[in-house]
Amino acid sequence: QVQLVESGGGLVQPGGSLRLSCAASGSIFSINVMGWYRQAPGKERELVAGITSGGSTNYADSVKGRFTISRDNARNTVTLQMNSLKPEDTAVYYCNAVLRPTWQSEYEYEFWGQGTQVTVSS
């Protein structure tokens, strides 16, 4: 069993910053990609940022230059530093990981955290 536990959400004023963290635990042999998605009310879930085990990153155009994703492979954690937050960043943010549970796993599996609310409002 694999668990992804997020922390760091909350209420912040426009222009402020928040830092989201996610820790993966359980039966994990290797993690390929870790990332953050978000879903605002009435909208589809969308990719915010992703990072590979080698450190390659990608970002949604709407957050480039404001958000930074980082990862600690030894601790199986991923962090999203969010700066210059805007009201349109308000959403539930979900941690995501694509991983192999054991060395015998032929396939990779995708896991999700429970989500953490980020609200940007004055």
N, C-alpha and C. Protein backbone atom coordinates (compact mmCIF):
# COMPACT_ATOMS: atom_id res chain seq x y z
N GLN A 1 0.84 -1.18 0.00
CA GLN A 1 0.00 0.00 0.00
C GLN A 1 0.88 1.25 0.00
N VAL A 2 0.47 2.23 -0.78
CA VAL A 2 1.22 3.48 -0.90
C VAL A 2 0.32 4.62 -0.44
N GLN A 3 0.89 5.53 0.31
CA GLN A 3 0.16 6.72 0.74
C GLN A 3 0.92 7.96 0.36
N LEU A 4 0.18 8.96 -0.10
CA LEU A 4 0.73 10.28 -0.35
C LEU A 4 0.03 11.25 0.59
N VAL A 5 0.81 11.93 1.42
CA VAL A 5 0.23 12.83 2.41
C VAL A 5 0.72 14.24 2.14
N GLU A 6 -0.23 15.13 1.88
CA GLU A 6 0.08 16.53 1.58
C GLU A 6 -0.05 17.39 2.83
N SER A 7 0.66 18.51 2.80
CA SER A 7 0.54 19.50 3.85
C SER A 7 0.89 20.86 3.28
N GLY A 8 0.44 21.91 3.96
CA GLY A 8 0.87 23.25 3.61
C GLY A 8 -0.16 24.14 2.96
N GLY A 9 -1.35 23.65 2.72
CA GLY A 9 -2.37 24.50 2.14
C GLY A 9 -2.88 25.53 3.13
N GLY A 10 -3.74 26.42 2.65
CA GLY A 10 -4.32 27.41 3.54
C GLY A 10 -4.83 28.62 2.79
N LEU A 11 -5.08 29.67 3.56
CA LEU A 11 -5.58 30.93 3.02
C LEU A 11 -4.45 31.95 2.95
N VAL A 12 -4.32 32.60 1.81
CA VAL A 12 -3.27 33.59 1.64
C VAL A 12 -3.81 34.73 0.81
N GLN A 13 -3.27 35.92 1.02
CA GLN A 13 -3.70 37.08 0.25
C GLN A 13 -3.04 37.08 -1.13
N PRO A 14 -3.67 37.73 -2.09
CA PRO A 14 -3.03 37.85 -3.42
C PRO A 14 -1.63 38.44 -3.30
N GLY A 15 -0.70 37.85 -4.05
CA GLY A 15 0.69 38.26 -3.99
C GLY A 15 1.50 37.52 -2.95
N GLY A 16 0.83 36.75 -2.12
CA GLY A 16 1.52 36.01 -1.08
C GLY A 16 2.11 34.70 -1.57
N SER A 17 2.66 33.94 -0.61
CA SER A 17 3.33 32.69 -0.94
C SER A 17 2.82 31.56 -0.04
N LEU A 18 2.87 30.36 -0.58
CA LEU A 18 2.60 29.15 0.17
C LEU A 18 3.55 28.06 -0.31
N ARG A 19 3.79 27.11 0.59
CA ARG A 19 4.65 25.99 0.24
C ARG A 19 3.90 24.71 0.54
N LEU A 20 3.70 23.91 -0.49
CA LEU A 20 3.04 22.61 -0.33
C LEU A 20 4.08 21.50 -0.30
N SER A 21 3.87 20.54 0.58
CA SER A 21 4.76 19.40 0.66
C SER A 21 3.95 18.11 0.56
N CYS A 22 4.60 17.08 0.04
CA CYS A 22 3.95 15.78 -0.10
C CYS A 22 4.99 14.70 0.19
N ALA A 23 4.61 13.77 1.04
CA ALA A 23 5.50 12.65 1.37
C ALA A 23 4.85 11.34 0.96
N ALA A 24 5.58 10.53 0.22
CA ALA A 24 5.10 9.22 -0.19
C ALA A 24 5.68 8.17 0.73
N SER A 25 4.84 7.23 1.15
CA SER A 25 5.30 6.18 2.04
C SER A 25 4.60 4.87 1.69
N GLY A 26 5.16 3.78 2.22
CA GLY A 26 4.59 2.47 1.97
C GLY A 26 5.49 1.63 1.09
N SER A 27 4.87 0.77 0.31
CA SER A 27 5.62 -0.13 -0.55
C SER A 27 6.07 0.61 -1.80
N ILE A 28 7.30 1.09 -1.77
CA ILE A 28 7.84 1.89 -2.89
C ILE A 28 9.21 1.38 -3.25
N PHE A 29 9.38 0.96 -4.50
CA PHE A 29 10.70 0.59 -4.99
C PHE A 29 11.37 1.77 -5.68
N SER A 30 10.62 2.40 -6.57
CA SER A 30 11.16 3.58 -7.25
C SER A 30 10.00 4.46 -7.70
N ILE A 31 10.25 5.77 -7.67
CA ILE A 31 9.25 6.74 -8.12
C ILE A 31 9.76 7.40 -9.39
N ASN A 32 9.01 7.32 -10.45
CA ASN A 32 9.41 7.92 -11.72
C ASN A 32 9.11 9.41 -11.72
N VAL A 33 7.85 9.73 -11.63
CA VAL A 33 7.41 11.13 -11.71
C VAL A 33 6.60 11.47 -10.47
N MET A 34 6.85 12.66 -9.95
CA MET A 34 6.01 13.23 -8.89
C MET A 34 5.49 14.57 -9.39
N GLY A 35 4.30 14.92 -8.96
CA GLY A 35 3.76 16.17 -9.45
C GLY A 35 2.62 16.69 -8.61
N TRP A 36 2.17 17.86 -9.01
CA TRP A 36 1.04 18.51 -8.37
C TRP A 36 -0.01 18.83 -9.43
N TYR A 37 -1.23 18.52 -9.10
CA TYR A 37 -2.39 18.87 -9.91
C TYR A 37 -3.30 19.73 -9.05
N ARG A 38 -4.22 20.42 -9.71
CA ARG A 38 -5.21 21.19 -8.96
C ARG A 38 -6.55 21.12 -9.65
N GLN A 39 -7.58 21.32 -8.83
CA GLN A 39 -8.94 21.32 -9.36
C GLN A 39 -9.73 22.41 -8.66
N ALA A 40 -10.17 23.36 -9.45
CA ALA A 40 -11.02 24.44 -8.96
C ALA A 40 -12.48 24.03 -9.12
N PRO A 41 -13.38 24.63 -8.34
CA PRO A 41 -14.79 24.27 -8.45
C PRO A 41 -15.32 24.43 -9.86
N GLY A 42 -15.96 23.39 -10.36
CA GLY A 42 -16.55 23.43 -11.68
C GLY A 42 -15.57 23.27 -12.82
N LYS A 43 -14.31 22.98 -12.51
CA LYS A 43 -13.30 22.84 -13.55
C LYS A 43 -12.67 21.46 -13.50
N GLU A 44 -12.01 21.10 -14.61
CA GLU A 44 -11.30 19.83 -14.68
C GLU A 44 -10.01 19.91 -13.85
N ARG A 45 -9.57 18.74 -13.39
CA ARG A 45 -8.28 18.69 -12.73
C ARG A 45 -7.19 18.95 -13.77
N GLU A 46 -6.21 19.76 -13.41
CA GLU A 46 -5.15 20.12 -14.35
C GLU A 46 -3.78 19.96 -13.71
N LEU A 47 -2.81 19.66 -14.57
CA LEU A 47 -1.43 19.57 -14.10
C LEU A 47 -0.91 20.96 -13.78
N VAL A 48 -0.29 21.08 -12.61
CA VAL A 48 0.36 22.33 -12.23
C VAL A 48 1.86 22.25 -12.52
N ALA A 49 2.50 21.18 -12.02
CA ALA A 49 3.94 21.00 -12.21
C ALA A 49 4.29 19.54 -11.98
N GLY A 50 5.31 19.09 -12.68
CA GLY A 50 5.79 17.73 -12.52
C GLY A 50 7.30 17.70 -12.51
N ILE A 51 7.87 16.65 -11.90
CA ILE A 51 9.33 16.51 -11.84
C ILE A 51 9.68 15.03 -11.90
N THR A 52 10.66 14.71 -12.72
CA THR A 52 11.10 13.32 -12.85
C THR A 52 12.15 13.00 -11.80
N SER A 53 12.51 11.73 -11.72
CA SER A 53 13.54 11.33 -10.76
C SER A 53 14.88 11.95 -11.11
N GLY A 54 15.07 12.30 -12.37
CA GLY A 54 16.30 12.93 -12.79
C GLY A 54 16.31 14.44 -12.64
N GLY A 55 15.18 14.99 -12.22
CA GLY A 55 15.11 16.42 -11.96
C GLY A 55 14.53 17.26 -13.09
N SER A 56 14.09 16.64 -14.17
CA SER A 56 13.45 17.41 -15.23
C SER A 56 12.07 17.86 -14.78
N THR A 57 11.76 19.11 -15.09
CA THR A 57 10.50 19.69 -14.64
C THR A 57 9.66 20.20 -15.79
N ASN A 58 8.37 20.27 -15.56
CA ASN A 58 7.47 20.95 -16.48
C ASN A 58 6.39 21.65 -15.68
N TYR A 59 5.91 22.74 -16.22
CA TYR A 59 4.95 23.58 -15.53
C TYR A 59 3.80 23.96 -16.46
N ALA A 60 2.66 24.18 -15.86
CA ALA A 60 1.56 24.78 -16.61
C ALA A 60 1.95 26.21 -16.95
N ASP A 61 1.55 26.68 -18.11
CA ASP A 61 1.90 28.03 -18.53
C ASP A 61 1.45 29.07 -17.51
N SER A 62 0.33 28.82 -16.86
CA SER A 62 -0.25 29.79 -15.94
C SER A 62 0.57 29.98 -14.66
N VAL A 63 1.49 29.06 -14.38
CA VAL A 63 2.27 29.17 -13.14
C VAL A 63 3.76 29.36 -13.39
N LYS A 64 4.19 29.32 -14.64
CA LYS A 64 5.61 29.48 -14.95
C LYS A 64 6.13 30.81 -14.41
N GLY A 65 7.29 30.73 -13.77
CA GLY A 65 7.89 31.93 -13.20
C GLY A 65 7.39 32.28 -11.81
N ARG A 66 6.33 31.61 -11.37
CA ARG A 66 5.79 31.88 -10.03
C ARG A 66 5.92 30.66 -9.11
N PHE A 67 5.77 29.48 -9.66
CA PHE A 67 5.82 28.24 -8.87
C PHE A 67 7.12 27.49 -9.17
N THR A 68 7.63 26.81 -8.15
CA THR A 68 8.83 25.99 -8.31
C THR A 68 8.59 24.63 -7.66
N ILE A 69 8.83 23.58 -8.44
CA ILE A 69 8.69 22.23 -7.89
C ILE A 69 10.08 21.67 -7.62
N SER A 70 10.20 20.94 -6.52
CA SER A 70 11.47 20.30 -6.18
C SER A 70 11.17 18.95 -5.54
N ARG A 71 12.22 18.16 -5.44
CA ARG A 71 12.00 16.77 -5.02
C ARG A 71 13.21 16.26 -4.26
N ASP A 72 12.96 15.44 -3.25
CA ASP A 72 14.02 14.75 -2.52
C ASP A 72 13.82 13.26 -2.77
N ASN A 73 14.64 12.70 -3.64
CA ASN A 73 14.47 11.29 -4.00
C ASN A 73 14.73 10.36 -2.82
N ALA A 74 15.64 10.72 -1.96
CA ALA A 74 15.97 9.85 -0.82
C ALA A 74 14.81 9.77 0.16
N ARG A 75 14.05 10.84 0.28
CA ARG A 75 12.95 10.88 1.23
C ARG A 75 11.59 10.69 0.58
N ASN A 76 11.56 10.55 -0.72
CA ASN A 76 10.29 10.39 -1.45
C ASN A 76 9.34 11.54 -1.18
N THR A 77 9.86 12.74 -1.24
CA THR A 77 9.03 13.92 -1.02
C THR A 77 9.10 14.86 -2.22
N VAL A 78 8.04 15.62 -2.39
CA VAL A 78 7.99 16.63 -3.43
C VAL A 78 7.39 17.90 -2.82
N THR A 79 7.92 19.03 -3.24
CA THR A 79 7.52 20.32 -2.69
C THR A 79 7.14 21.26 -3.82
N LEU A 80 6.12 22.07 -3.57
CA LEU A 80 5.72 23.09 -4.53
C LEU A 80 5.77 24.44 -3.83
N GLN A 81 6.72 25.26 -4.23
CA GLN A 81 6.81 26.62 -3.70
C GLN A 81 5.99 27.53 -4.61
N MET A 82 4.99 28.18 -4.04
CA MET A 82 4.09 29.01 -4.83
C MET A 82 4.25 30.46 -4.39
N ASN A 83 4.69 31.30 -5.31
CA ASN A 83 4.88 32.72 -5.05
C ASN A 83 3.94 33.54 -5.92
N SER A 84 3.78 34.80 -5.56
CA SER A 84 2.94 35.72 -6.34
C SER A 84 1.57 35.10 -6.63
N LEU A 85 0.97 34.57 -5.61
CA LEU A 85 -0.29 33.86 -5.79
C LEU A 85 -1.41 34.79 -6.23
N LYS A 86 -2.28 34.25 -7.06
CA LYS A 86 -3.41 35.00 -7.62
C LYS A 86 -4.72 34.32 -7.20
N PRO A 87 -5.81 35.05 -7.20
CA PRO A 87 -7.10 34.43 -6.86
C PRO A 87 -7.41 33.22 -7.75
N GLU A 88 -6.98 33.27 -9.00
CA GLU A 88 -7.25 32.14 -9.89
C GLU A 88 -6.43 30.90 -9.57
N ASP A 89 -5.51 30.99 -8.62
CA ASP A 89 -4.78 29.81 -8.15
C ASP A 89 -5.58 29.04 -7.10
N THR A 90 -6.69 29.60 -6.68
CA THR A 90 -7.53 28.93 -5.68
C THR A 90 -8.04 27.60 -6.22
N ALA A 91 -7.78 26.54 -5.46
CA ALA A 91 -8.17 25.20 -5.89
C ALA A 91 -7.78 24.20 -4.81
N VAL A 92 -8.22 22.97 -4.98
CA VAL A 92 -7.68 21.87 -4.19
C VAL A 92 -6.47 21.33 -4.95
N TYR A 93 -5.36 21.23 -4.27
CA TYR A 93 -4.11 20.78 -4.88
C TYR A 93 -3.85 19.33 -4.46
N TYR A 94 -3.55 18.50 -5.47
CA TYR A 94 -3.35 17.08 -5.25
C TYR A 94 -1.92 16.69 -5.62
N CYS A 95 -1.32 15.92 -4.75
CA CYS A 95 -0.01 15.33 -5.03
C CYS A 95 -0.22 14.05 -5.85
N ASN A 96 0.70 13.80 -6.76
CA ASN A 96 0.61 12.64 -7.64
C ASN A 96 1.97 11.98 -7.77
N ALA A 97 1.97 10.65 -7.82
CA ALA A 97 3.23 9.93 -8.01
C ALA A 97 3.00 8.73 -8.92
N VAL A 98 3.94 8.51 -9.83
CA VAL A 98 3.93 7.35 -10.70
C VAL A 98 5.12 6.50 -10.29
N LEU A 99 4.86 5.27 -9.83
CA LEU A 99 5.94 4.52 -9.19
C LEU A 99 5.82 3.02 -9.40
N ARG A 100 6.91 2.34 -9.06
CA ARG A 100 6.93 0.87 -9.00
C ARG A 100 6.91 0.46 -7.53
N PRO A 101 5.93 -0.31 -7.11
CA PRO A 101 5.85 -0.68 -5.69
C PRO A 101 6.98 -1.60 -5.24
N THR A 102 7.39 -2.55 -6.08
CA THR A 102 8.46 -3.47 -5.72
C THR A 102 9.39 -3.66 -6.91
N TRP A 103 10.54 -4.27 -6.68
CA TRP A 103 11.49 -4.49 -7.77
C TRP A 103 10.94 -5.48 -8.79
N GLN A 104 9.95 -6.25 -8.36
CA GLN A 104 9.34 -7.22 -9.27
C GLN A 104 8.21 -6.61 -10.11
N SER A 105 7.81 -5.38 -9.82
CA SER A 105 6.68 -4.78 -10.52
C SER A 105 7.02 -4.56 -11.98
N GLU A 106 6.20 -5.11 -12.85
CA GLU A 106 6.42 -4.95 -14.28
C GLU A 106 5.94 -3.59 -14.76
N TYR A 107 4.92 -3.08 -14.08
CA TYR A 107 4.31 -1.83 -14.49
C TYR A 107 4.46 -0.76 -13.42
N GLU A 108 4.24 0.47 -13.86
CA GLU A 108 4.17 1.59 -12.93
C GLU A 108 2.71 1.86 -12.59
N TYR A 109 2.51 2.37 -11.40
CA TYR A 109 1.16 2.66 -10.93
C TYR A 109 1.09 4.12 -10.48
N GLU A 110 -0.11 4.67 -10.59
CA GLU A 110 -0.32 6.07 -10.25
C GLU A 110 -1.07 6.18 -8.94
N PHE A 111 -0.59 7.05 -8.07
CA PHE A 111 -1.24 7.26 -6.77
C PHE A 111 -1.50 8.75 -6.56
N TRP A 112 -2.52 9.01 -5.75
CA TRP A 112 -2.93 10.38 -5.47
C TRP A 112 -3.02 10.63 -3.98
N GLY A 113 -2.71 11.86 -3.59
CA GLY A 113 -2.96 12.28 -2.24
C GLY A 113 -4.41 12.68 -2.06
N GLN A 114 -4.76 13.05 -0.84
CA GLN A 114 -6.16 13.36 -0.53
C GLN A 114 -6.53 14.79 -0.91
N GLY A 115 -5.55 15.61 -1.19
CA GLY A 115 -5.81 16.99 -1.59
C GLY A 115 -5.69 17.96 -0.44
N THR A 116 -5.24 19.16 -0.76
CA THR A 116 -5.14 20.23 0.24
C THR A 116 -5.66 21.52 -0.40
N GLN A 117 -6.47 22.24 0.36
CA GLN A 117 -7.10 23.45 -0.16
C GLN A 117 -6.15 24.63 -0.13
N VAL A 118 -6.08 25.33 -1.25
CA VAL A 118 -5.36 26.60 -1.33
C VAL A 118 -6.38 27.67 -1.73
N THR A 119 -6.49 28.69 -0.92
CA THR A 119 -7.42 29.78 -1.19
C THR A 119 -6.65 31.09 -1.21
N VAL A 120 -6.76 31.80 -2.32
CA VAL A 120 -6.09 33.08 -2.47
C VAL A 120 -7.17 34.16 -2.52
N SER A 121 -7.22 34.94 -1.46
CA SER A 121 -8.30 35.92 -1.34
C SER A 121 -7.90 37.02 -0.37
N SER A 122 -8.39 38.22 -0.64
CA SER A 122 -8.15 39.33 0.28
C SER A 122 -9.30 39.45 1.27
